[in-house]
Protein backbone atom coordinates (compact mmCIF):
# COMPACT_ATOMS: atom_id res chain seq x y z
CA MET A 1 13.10 -13.13 15.61
CA LEU A 2 10.55 -10.73 16.69
CA LYS A 3 10.17 -10.70 20.55
CA ARG A 4 7.02 -10.26 22.42
CA LYS A 5 6.62 -7.24 24.45
CA ALA A 6 4.66 -7.21 27.56
CA ARG A 7 2.25 -4.53 26.52
CA CYS A 8 -0.75 -6.19 24.96
CA PHE A 9 -3.84 -4.88 23.57
CA GLU A 10 -7.09 -6.16 22.32
CA PRO A 11 -7.74 -5.14 18.49
CA GLU A 12 -11.73 -4.75 19.19
CA TYR A 13 -10.37 -1.38 21.11
CA ILE A 14 -9.62 0.36 17.51
CA GLU A 15 -12.44 -1.18 15.21
CA PRO A 16 -13.51 1.69 12.84
CA ILE A 17 -17.09 2.70 13.13
CA PHE A 18 -18.77 1.71 9.72
CA PRO A 19 -21.93 3.56 8.62
CA LEU A 20 -25.11 1.84 9.95
CA ARG A 21 -26.15 0.46 6.63
CA VAL A 22 -22.33 -1.20 6.18
CA ARG A 23 -22.94 -2.83 9.83
CA ILE A 24 -26.30 -4.14 9.01
CA LEU A 25 -25.41 -5.67 5.73
CA ALA A 26 -22.58 -7.36 7.03
CA ALA A 27 -24.44 -9.03 9.66
CA LEU A 28 -26.57 -10.97 7.22
CA PRO A 29 -25.63 -14.03 5.61
CA GLY A 30 -23.53 -13.47 2.59
CA GLY A 31 -23.16 -9.72 3.61
CA ILE A 32 -19.28 -9.53 3.60
CA ALA A 33 -19.49 -10.90 0.08
CA ARG A 34 -22.03 -8.54 -1.16
CA LEU A 35 -20.03 -5.44 0.43
CA LYS A 36 -16.96 -6.64 -1.46
CA LYS A 37 -19.22 -6.73 -4.75
CA MET A 38 -20.22 -3.20 -4.14
CA VAL A 39 -16.67 -1.71 -4.47
CA PRO A 40 -16.22 -0.51 -7.79
CA PRO A 41 -13.62 -1.90 -9.87
CA PRO A 42 -10.30 0.37 -9.63
CA ASN A 43 -9.87 3.11 -12.34
CA GLY A 44 -6.76 4.99 -11.40
CA ASP A 45 -6.56 6.68 -14.70
CA ALA A 46 -9.75 8.40 -13.91
CA ALA A 47 -7.99 10.62 -11.50
CA PRO A 48 -6.30 13.78 -12.67
CA ASP A 49 -2.63 13.16 -13.86
CA ILE A 50 -0.52 15.46 -11.89
CA SER A 51 2.67 14.82 -13.60
CA ARG A 52 2.58 18.45 -14.88
CA PHE A 53 2.81 19.63 -11.14
CA ILE A 54 5.31 16.90 -10.27
CA PRO A 55 7.45 15.22 -13.00
CA LEU A 56 8.25 11.53 -12.79
CA LYS A 57 11.82 10.91 -11.47
CA GLU A 58 14.09 7.96 -12.04
CA GLY A 59 15.91 6.42 -9.10
CA VAL A 60 19.48 5.44 -9.10
CA THR A 61 19.94 1.58 -8.22
CA PRO A 62 22.65 -1.12 -9.06
CA GLU A 63 22.24 -2.98 -12.37
CA GLY A 64 19.24 -5.45 -12.46
CA VAL A 65 16.95 -2.99 -10.37
CA ALA A 66 15.19 0.30 -11.56
CA TYR A 67 12.52 2.40 -10.28
CA ILE A 68 10.58 5.77 -11.30
CA GLN A 69 8.91 7.79 -8.74
CA SER A 70 5.46 9.32 -9.52
CA CYS A 71 2.59 10.96 -7.57
CA MET A 72 -1.19 10.89 -7.34
CA LEU A 73 -3.88 13.02 -5.77
CA VAL A 74 -5.56 11.46 -2.72
CA ASP A 75 -8.75 9.44 -3.79
CA SER A 76 -11.79 11.42 -2.77
CA ASP A 77 -13.67 8.05 -2.19
CA LEU A 78 -10.88 6.70 0.18
CA ALA A 79 -11.00 10.09 1.91
CA LYS A 80 -14.65 9.72 2.17
CA ASN A 81 -15.00 6.15 3.26
CA LEU A 82 -11.71 5.92 5.58
CA TYR A 83 -9.67 9.10 6.40
CA VAL A 84 -12.58 11.31 7.20
CA PRO A 85 -14.44 8.68 9.59
CA ILE A 86 -11.39 7.39 11.27
CA MET A 87 -9.91 10.92 11.88
CA ARG A 88 -13.14 12.16 13.24
CA GLN A 89 -13.43 8.79 15.36
CA ASN A 90 -10.18 9.39 16.88
CA ARG A 91 -10.20 13.00 17.43
CA SER A 92 -10.70 12.98 20.95
CA LEU A 93 -8.23 10.40 21.75
CA ALA A 94 -5.57 12.18 20.01
CA LEU A 95 -6.50 15.46 21.86
CA GLN A 96 -6.25 13.39 24.92
CA GLN A 97 -2.66 12.54 24.21
CA GLY A 98 -1.51 16.27 23.72
CA MET A 99 -1.85 16.50 20.09
CA CYS A 100 -2.79 20.18 18.77
CA LYS A 101 -6.10 20.76 18.23
CA GLN A 102 -5.73 23.63 15.64
CA THR A 103 -3.75 21.12 13.46
CA ILE A 104 -5.99 18.03 13.97
CA ASP A 105 -9.11 20.33 13.13
CA ALA A 106 -7.48 22.03 10.17
CA GLY A 107 -6.44 18.58 8.75
CA ILE A 108 -9.89 17.01 9.25
CA ASP A 109 -11.36 20.05 7.24
CA ILE A 110 -9.11 19.76 4.40
CA ILE A 111 -9.42 15.95 3.96
CA ASN A 112 -13.32 16.44 4.27
CA ARG A 113 -13.01 18.89 1.40
CA CYS A 114 -11.28 16.44 -0.65
CA ALA A 115 -14.03 13.76 0.24
CA ASP A 116 -16.72 16.33 -1.05
CA ASN A 117 -14.48 17.12 -4.20
CA THR A 118 -14.56 20.84 -3.36
CA LEU A 119 -10.90 21.26 -3.90
CA SER A 120 -9.08 22.19 -7.20
CA VAL A 121 -6.25 19.96 -8.18
CA GLU A 122 -3.81 22.78 -7.59
CA GLU A 123 -5.31 23.28 -4.02
CA MET A 124 -4.71 19.54 -3.29
CA VAL A 125 -1.27 19.55 -4.30
CA ASP A 126 -0.62 22.73 -2.28
CA ALA A 127 -2.32 20.75 0.63
CA GLY A 128 0.02 18.05 0.18
CA LEU A 129 -2.96 15.60 -0.44
CA ILE A 130 -0.92 13.37 -2.81
CA THR A 131 0.72 10.05 -2.29
CA CYS A 132 4.15 9.09 -3.84
CA ASN A 133 4.51 5.96 -5.35
CA HIS A 134 7.55 3.91 -6.89
CA THR A 135 7.29 1.52 -10.03
CA VAL A 136 10.06 -0.85 -9.60
CA ALA A 137 11.33 -3.03 -12.58
CA LEU A 138 13.51 -6.06 -11.73
CA ARG A 139 15.85 -7.52 -14.51
CA LEU A 140 15.10 -11.38 -14.48
CA LYS A 141 17.66 -14.06 -15.26
CA SER A 142 15.92 -14.66 -18.51
CA GLY A 143 16.57 -10.91 -19.67
CA ARG A 144 12.81 -10.05 -19.13
CA LEU A 145 11.23 -7.50 -16.77
CA LEU A 146 8.93 -7.72 -14.15
CA LEU A 147 7.00 -4.82 -13.12
CA TYR A 148 6.20 -4.33 -9.30
CA ASP A 149 3.17 -2.01 -8.46
CA PRO A 150 3.30 -0.29 -11.74
CA GLN A 151 1.63 3.09 -11.64
CA ARG A 152 0.02 5.27 -14.49
CA ILE A 153 1.53 4.30 -17.66
CA THR A 154 1.85 7.57 -18.90
CA HIS A 155 3.96 8.19 -22.22
CA THR A 156 6.89 9.04 -19.93
CA MET A 157 6.47 5.91 -17.88
CA LYS A 158 6.10 3.52 -20.87
CA ALA A 159 9.20 5.10 -22.40
CA TRP A 160 11.06 4.30 -19.31
CA ILE A 161 9.92 0.87 -19.12
CA GLU A 162 10.97 0.17 -22.86
CA ARG A 163 14.27 2.15 -22.56
CA LEU A 164 15.15 -0.35 -20.21
CA GLY A 165 14.81 -3.21 -22.75
CA GLY A 166 13.30 -6.79 -22.40
CA GLU A 167 10.09 -8.10 -22.58
CA VAL A 168 7.60 -7.42 -19.49
CA ALA A 169 6.78 -10.89 -18.53
CA TYR A 170 5.25 -10.19 -14.92
CA ILE A 171 3.13 -7.48 -13.50
CA VAL A 172 2.72 -7.63 -9.74
CA SER A 173 0.07 -6.09 -7.79
CA PRO A 174 1.53 -6.03 -4.52
CA ASN A 175 -1.51 -6.02 -2.25
CA PRO A 176 -5.46 -5.63 -2.55
CA ALA A 177 -5.35 -1.86 -2.46
CA HIS A 178 -2.49 -1.43 -5.01
CA CYS A 179 -4.32 -2.21 -8.06
CA LEU A 180 -5.72 1.30 -9.30
CA PHE A 181 -3.38 1.19 -12.33
CA THR A 182 -3.22 -2.62 -13.09
CA GLN A 183 -5.64 -2.56 -15.59
CA SER A 184 -3.81 0.09 -17.76
CA ALA A 185 -0.42 -1.76 -17.22
CA MET A 186 -1.79 -5.06 -18.37
CA GLN A 187 -3.27 -3.21 -21.58
CA ALA A 188 0.10 -1.67 -22.23
CA PHE A 189 1.83 -5.12 -21.65
CA PRO A 190 -0.67 -7.60 -22.74
CA ARG A 191 1.69 -10.52 -22.68
CA ALA A 192 2.42 -10.26 -19.17
CA LYS A 193 1.46 -12.59 -16.57
CA LEU A 194 -0.42 -10.76 -13.69
CA VAL A 195 0.22 -11.71 -10.06
CA ALA A 196 -2.32 -10.48 -7.52
CA SER A 197 -4.27 -11.19 -4.28
CA GLN A 198 -7.66 -12.70 -4.14
CA GLN A 199 -9.46 -9.65 -3.80
CA ALA A 200 -7.37 -7.73 -6.74
CA ALA A 201 -7.72 -10.75 -8.77
CA ASP A 202 -11.52 -10.37 -8.33
CA LYS A 203 -11.50 -6.72 -9.23
CA MET A 204 -9.51 -7.33 -12.28
CA ALA A 205 -12.04 -10.34 -13.32
CA ASP A 206 -14.73 -7.62 -13.22
CA LEU A 207 -12.68 -5.80 -15.89
CA GLY A 208 -11.92 -8.74 -18.29
CA ILE A 209 -8.45 -9.24 -16.94
CA SER A 210 -7.56 -12.82 -15.90
CA THR A 211 -4.73 -13.37 -13.09
CA ALA A 212 -2.04 -15.92 -13.75
CA TYR A 213 -0.83 -16.30 -10.23
CA ASN A 214 -3.51 -15.52 -7.44
CA TYR A 215 -1.08 -15.86 -4.63
CA SER A 216 -3.64 -16.10 -2.14
CA ASN A 217 -4.21 -19.56 -3.33
CA PRO A 218 -1.39 -21.81 -1.84
CA ASP A 219 -1.19 -23.74 -5.01
CA ARG A 220 -0.85 -20.69 -7.32
CA LEU A 221 1.70 -19.10 -4.71
CA ASN A 222 3.87 -22.45 -5.10
CA ALA A 223 3.74 -22.24 -8.86
CA LEU A 224 4.76 -18.67 -8.80
CA TRP A 225 7.51 -19.44 -6.46
CA GLN A 226 8.77 -22.05 -8.66
CA ASP A 227 8.80 -19.93 -11.70
CA LEU A 228 10.46 -16.83 -10.06
CA VAL A 229 13.03 -18.57 -8.31
CA ASP A 230 14.37 -19.80 -11.51
CA GLU A 231 14.18 -16.14 -12.48
CA GLY A 232 16.45 -15.23 -9.44
CA VAL A 233 13.40 -13.85 -7.65
CA ILE A 234 12.04 -15.00 -4.10
CA PRO A 235 8.08 -14.09 -3.53
CA ASN A 236 7.08 -13.79 0.23
CA VAL A 237 3.78 -13.84 1.38
CA LEU A 238 3.49 -13.39 5.16
CA ALA A 239 1.51 -16.06 6.57
CA GLY A 240 -1.56 -15.39 8.60
CA ASP A 241 -1.47 -11.75 7.67
CA PRO A 242 -4.82 -10.34 6.50
CA ALA A 243 -3.34 -7.48 4.44
CA GLN A 244 -2.16 -10.26 1.92
CA ILE A 245 1.01 -8.37 0.94
CA ILE A 246 3.64 -10.10 -1.53
CA LEU A 247 7.39 -9.10 -1.18
CA LEU A 248 9.85 -9.77 -3.59
CA TYR A 249 13.55 -10.36 -2.95
CA HIS A 250 15.84 -9.80 -6.00
CA GLU A 251 18.77 -12.41 -5.12
CA LYS A 252 21.47 -10.97 -7.54
CA THR A 253 21.24 -7.51 -5.89
CA ARG A 254 19.90 -8.47 -2.81
CA THR A 255 17.11 -5.87 -3.05
CA LEU A 256 13.68 -6.31 -1.12
CA LEU A 257 10.59 -4.94 -2.41
CA GLU A 258 7.69 -4.29 -0.04
CA ALA A 259 4.31 -2.23 -0.20
CA ASP A 260 2.65 -1.04 2.88
CA LEU A 261 4.18 -3.51 5.22
CA SER A 262 6.19 -0.65 7.02
CA TYR A 263 3.96 2.47 7.77
CA ARG A 264 6.46 4.35 9.72
CA ASP A 265 6.99 7.65 7.76
CA ALA A 266 4.61 6.92 5.11
CA PHE A 267 3.82 10.37 4.62
CA ALA A 268 7.20 11.69 4.99
CA PRO A 269 9.13 10.68 1.53
CA PRO A 270 10.27 12.38 -0.70
CA LYS A 271 11.62 15.63 0.77
CA GLY A 272 11.24 18.90 -1.45
CA LEU A 273 8.84 18.03 -3.78
CA ILE A 274 9.23 20.89 -6.35
CA THR A 275 6.22 21.83 -8.51
CA PRO A 276 7.09 23.67 -11.66
CA LEU A 277 3.75 25.38 -12.03
CA MET A 278 3.67 26.87 -8.40
CA LYS A 279 7.31 27.39 -8.00
CA ARG A 280 7.54 25.93 -4.60
CA LYS A 281 8.53 23.07 -2.50
CA VAL A 282 5.95 20.68 -1.10
CA GLU A 283 7.02 19.04 1.95
CA ILE A 284 4.63 16.13 2.47
CA ALA A 285 5.33 15.26 6.15
CA ASP A 286 5.08 18.72 7.11
CA THR A 287 1.63 19.59 5.83
CA THR A 288 -1.29 20.23 8.04
CA PHE A 289 -2.98 16.99 6.86
CA SER A 290 0.04 14.79 7.40
CA LYS A 291 0.46 16.01 10.85
CA ALA A 292 -3.46 15.45 11.61
CA TRP A 293 -3.41 12.13 9.82
CA ARG A 294 -0.40 10.75 12.03
CA ALA A 295 -2.07 12.22 15.22
CA CYS A 296 -5.56 10.53 14.66
CA VAL A 297 -4.61 7.62 12.86
CA CYS A 298 -1.18 6.47 14.11
CA GLU A 299 -0.12 8.12 17.16
CA VAL A 300 -3.36 6.82 18.66
CA SER A 301 -2.73 2.95 17.75
CA PRO A 302 -1.08 0.68 20.37
CA ASN A 303 2.59 1.02 18.74
CA ARG A 304 2.01 4.72 18.07
CA CYS A 305 2.93 4.34 14.31
CA SER A 306 0.83 1.90 12.44
CA PRO A 307 -2.43 3.05 11.48
CA VAL A 308 -5.32 1.89 13.88
CA TYR A 309 -6.99 0.08 11.17
CA ARG A 310 -4.15 -2.36 10.90
CA PHE A 311 -4.82 -3.83 14.22
CA ALA A 312 -8.43 -4.27 13.79
CA SER A 313 -7.75 -6.13 10.74
CA PHE A 314 -6.59 -8.90 13.08
CA ASN A 315 -9.64 -9.18 15.27
CA GLU A 316 -11.58 -11.97 13.29
CA LYS A 317 -14.65 -10.66 14.75
CA SER A 318 -14.47 -7.00 13.22
CA ILE A 319 -16.03 -6.01 9.70
CA LEU A 320 -12.84 -4.81 8.53
CA CYS A 321 -11.20 -8.20 9.06
CA GLN A 322 -13.90 -9.98 7.15
CA LEU A 323 -13.62 -7.36 4.45
CA ALA A 324 -9.77 -7.97 4.49
CA LYS A 325 -9.64 -11.69 4.20
CA PRO A 326 -9.09 -13.28 0.92
CA HIS A 327 -11.74 -15.81 1.55
CA PRO A 328 -14.12 -16.74 4.55
CA GLU A 329 -12.04 -19.74 5.48
CA TYR A 330 -8.76 -17.48 5.94
CA VAL A 331 -7.17 -17.92 9.14
CA VAL A 332 -5.54 -14.90 10.72
CA ASP A 333 -2.87 -15.83 12.70
CA ARG A 334 -0.48 -13.29 14.50
CA GLU A 335 1.88 -16.28 15.67
CA ALA A 336 2.41 -17.40 12.04
CA MET A 337 3.08 -13.72 10.84
CA LYS A 338 5.65 -13.44 13.87
CA ILE A 339 7.55 -16.52 12.26
CA SER A 340 7.18 -15.18 8.86
CA LEU A 341 8.41 -11.88 9.60
CA GLY A 342 11.60 -13.37 11.39
CA LEU A 343 12.37 -15.64 8.43
CA LEU A 344 11.85 -12.33 6.17
CA LEU A 345 14.70 -10.33 8.39
CA LYS A 346 17.16 -13.10 8.21
CA LEU A 347 17.51 -12.40 4.67
CA PRO A 348 20.62 -10.58 3.20
CA ILE A 349 19.31 -7.42 2.50
CA ASN A 350 21.31 -4.55 0.80
CA ARG A 351 18.54 -2.16 0.21
CA VAL A 352 14.79 -1.99 0.48
CA LEU A 353 12.52 -0.42 -1.97
CA SER A 354 9.25 0.63 -0.80
CA ALA A 355 5.96 1.31 -2.77
CA HIS A 356 5.47 4.63 -0.99
CA GLN A 357 9.15 5.69 0.63
CA GLY A 358 11.29 4.49 -2.18
CA GLU A 359 14.84 3.35 -1.20
CA ILE A 360 15.09 2.76 2.37
CA ASP A 361 18.27 1.96 4.37
CA PRO A 362 17.89 -1.77 5.23
CA GLN A 363 18.67 -1.40 8.89
CA ARG A 364 16.28 1.55 9.37
CA TRP A 365 13.53 -0.31 7.55
CA ALA A 366 14.30 -3.60 9.69
CA ASP A 367 14.20 -1.47 12.66
CA ALA A 368 10.87 0.16 11.72
CA VAL A 369 9.40 -3.52 11.22
CA LEU A 370 10.55 -4.51 14.71
CA ALA A 371 8.97 -1.66 16.15
CA GLU A 372 5.65 -1.60 14.38
CA PHE A 373 5.12 -5.76 14.75
CA ALA A 374 6.57 -6.08 18.16
CA TRP A 375 3.08 -6.63 19.29
CA LEU A 376 2.56 -9.76 17.48
């Protein structure tokens, strides 16, 4: 069970500064709903395919679980609307804590150029402005497959899935932010049932794709639980958490799948990415941007590892929280999340597969979660 630490904080302290027009609209009746509607439908396929620089790489796992690593460029809109403002906002605080000014300013400059779309693909890869993702395939008791957080469905990716054998029965978008390639996955496997949060389901509806299991809805989550438990998979959505992350536990292999619950070392994996075109290694954790990001976004937060906006999402008065909540009536509850995390960590876990980090030692992951959420 997670224990409280004596050190406390107020989430209001790290509320990101939104543009004036956003703050004005959010204060109006129905403004939050309008802001959500203003977010364009996700289209990860519009971003350049960088598999020619960093080829897909299969992971070695026990029978019943398979994963493949792929990489994508940092989204320019995300850089413009989140990374640049929050890094600039926290620059002074990071410098007060002794962080390197030269590194921070260089990191902010490179992500600002990304936001302005003035970097070539090669320059972005060279600067480490990439995120690594892992598509996981679970073998169900029926012999069918479940895809967790599917990425770009290239010919290589689809061939890998088909080589595993079995019909793709479920496609899971593990949190509201991880749905960039959900549309292409559903198009590639149209008979699959989509599992998604309320926010992701709304985005998919705009694209004409229906969600079979909206796990933000308690009734649909219960229906999903009943269907997946019969297949040897236990779904887990942490109560009271505005991030709305769904974790899956594969009973046969005792494997836990997660996406963005733990942010520790989020930019660290994988080590030694080799880009064939440039004939050199790209160490994501050692890039100037990664160091500046950790200094301005993670090191300045109360636990010094989770992004500051993760804390702001628990402040019901904040714009960020209102945008994160699946519906206005949703109750953000730190105590309920604390209890849910305690139950999650009691599962007999042999391995953890993270959407970004890949395979993680289960004890290391549990320790990271305990450290990151001790403030609950």
